[in-house]
């Protein structure tokens, strides 16, 4: 995703849809995201699922997870976002 554009003007940056964690003075975001099309738009609704891990470079830390479901509905000029985030556990 390169961002959100309307009439050729960028409204949101690509990182606008992704969370980040400030830890020890640095920002950490999800690594590689997997992308799955849940609905292809034929019934008037398109949905794309983005999921991935949030890992911190800390020995013994348990990675967190993110899952975003982005919806576009025919005739509606908005993006709907359903989000589930589990933040990493650190020792």
Protein backbone atom coordinates (compact mmCIF):
# COMPACT_ATOMS: atom_id res chain seq x y z
CA UNK A 1 0.00 0.00 0.00
CA UNK A 2 1.45 3.34 -0.99
CA UNK A 3 -1.09 5.49 0.85
CA UNK A 4 -4.58 6.80 0.21
CA UNK A 5 -5.21 9.19 -2.64
CA UNK A 6 -8.29 11.22 -3.57
CA UNK A 7 -8.43 13.04 -6.89
CA UNK A 8 -4.68 12.50 -7.27
CA UNK A 9 -3.85 14.09 -3.90
CA UNK A 10 -2.34 11.97 -1.14
CA UNK A 11 -4.61 12.06 1.92
CA UNK A 12 -2.84 9.44 4.08
CA UNK A 13 0.74 8.18 4.11
CA UNK A 14 1.45 4.47 3.69
CA UNK A 15 2.28 4.11 7.38
CA UNK A 16 -1.08 5.63 8.39
CA UNK A 17 -2.71 2.19 8.48
CA UNK A 18 0.05 0.44 10.39
CA UNK A 19 0.78 0.67 14.10
CA UNK A 20 4.20 1.14 15.54
CA UNK A 21 5.62 0.69 19.00
CA UNK A 22 7.98 3.14 20.66
CA UNK A 23 10.41 1.02 22.64
CA UNK A 24 13.74 2.11 24.09
CA UNK A 25 13.66 5.33 22.05
CA UNK A 26 13.03 3.61 18.68
CA UNK A 27 9.96 2.87 16.58
CA UNK A 28 9.18 -0.74 15.63
CA UNK A 29 6.49 -1.79 13.20
CA UNK A 30 5.31 -5.07 11.80
CA UNK A 31 7.67 -7.02 9.59
CA UNK A 32 6.44 -8.47 6.34
CA UNK A 33 2.65 -8.45 6.07
CA UNK A 34 0.61 -11.18 4.50
CA UNK A 35 -2.25 -9.98 2.32
CA UNK A 36 -5.42 -11.89 1.57
CA UNK A 37 -8.45 -10.80 -0.44
CA UNK A 38 -11.53 -11.74 1.59
CA UNK A 39 -14.11 -10.17 -0.75
CA UNK A 40 -13.40 -9.28 -4.35
CA UNK A 41 -15.99 -6.53 -4.81
CA UNK A 42 -18.42 -8.47 -7.00
CA UNK A 43 -21.21 -8.12 -4.41
CA UNK A 44 -20.50 -4.41 -3.87
CA UNK A 45 -18.03 -4.96 -1.03
CA UNK A 46 -14.27 -5.41 -1.32
CA UNK A 47 -12.22 -6.53 1.68
CA UNK A 48 -8.49 -7.04 2.09
CA UNK A 49 -6.92 -8.61 5.19
CA UNK A 50 -3.40 -7.55 6.28
CA UNK A 51 -1.70 -9.54 9.04
CA UNK A 52 1.76 -9.80 10.51
CA UNK A 53 3.97 -9.90 13.60
CA UNK A 54 5.22 -7.10 15.83
CA UNK A 55 8.59 -8.22 17.18
CA UNK A 56 11.00 -6.38 19.44
CA UNK A 57 14.75 -7.03 19.52
CA UNK A 58 14.63 -8.09 23.18
CA UNK A 59 15.78 -11.51 24.37
CA UNK A 60 12.80 -13.45 25.70
CA UNK A 61 10.17 -11.13 24.22
CA UNK A 62 7.06 -12.73 22.77
CA UNK A 63 6.05 -11.18 19.41
CA UNK A 64 2.70 -9.48 19.07
CA UNK A 65 0.31 -9.70 16.12
CA UNK A 66 -1.71 -7.32 14.01
CA UNK A 67 -4.65 -7.98 11.75
CA UNK A 68 -6.36 -5.30 9.71
CA UNK A 69 -9.42 -5.85 7.57
CA UNK A 70 -9.93 -2.97 5.12
CA UNK A 71 -13.38 -2.63 3.51
CA UNK A 72 -14.53 -0.62 0.52
CA UNK A 73 -18.26 -0.45 -0.16
CA UNK A 74 -19.56 0.47 -3.58
CA UNK A 75 -20.92 4.02 -3.64
CA UNK A 76 -19.50 4.92 -0.21
CA UNK A 77 -16.46 7.26 -0.25
CA UNK A 78 -14.84 5.82 2.89
CA UNK A 79 -12.46 3.05 3.93
CA UNK A 80 -13.69 0.99 6.88
CA UNK A 81 -11.04 -0.62 9.08
CA UNK A 82 -11.49 -3.48 11.54
CA UNK A 83 -8.37 -3.98 13.65
CA UNK A 84 -7.03 -6.49 16.15
CA UNK A 85 -3.66 -5.83 17.79
CA UNK A 86 -1.80 -7.91 20.36
CA UNK A 87 1.26 -6.06 21.61
CA UNK A 88 4.54 -7.88 22.34
CA UNK A 89 5.26 -9.13 25.85
CA UNK A 90 8.66 -8.19 27.19
CA UNK A 91 10.41 -9.84 30.11
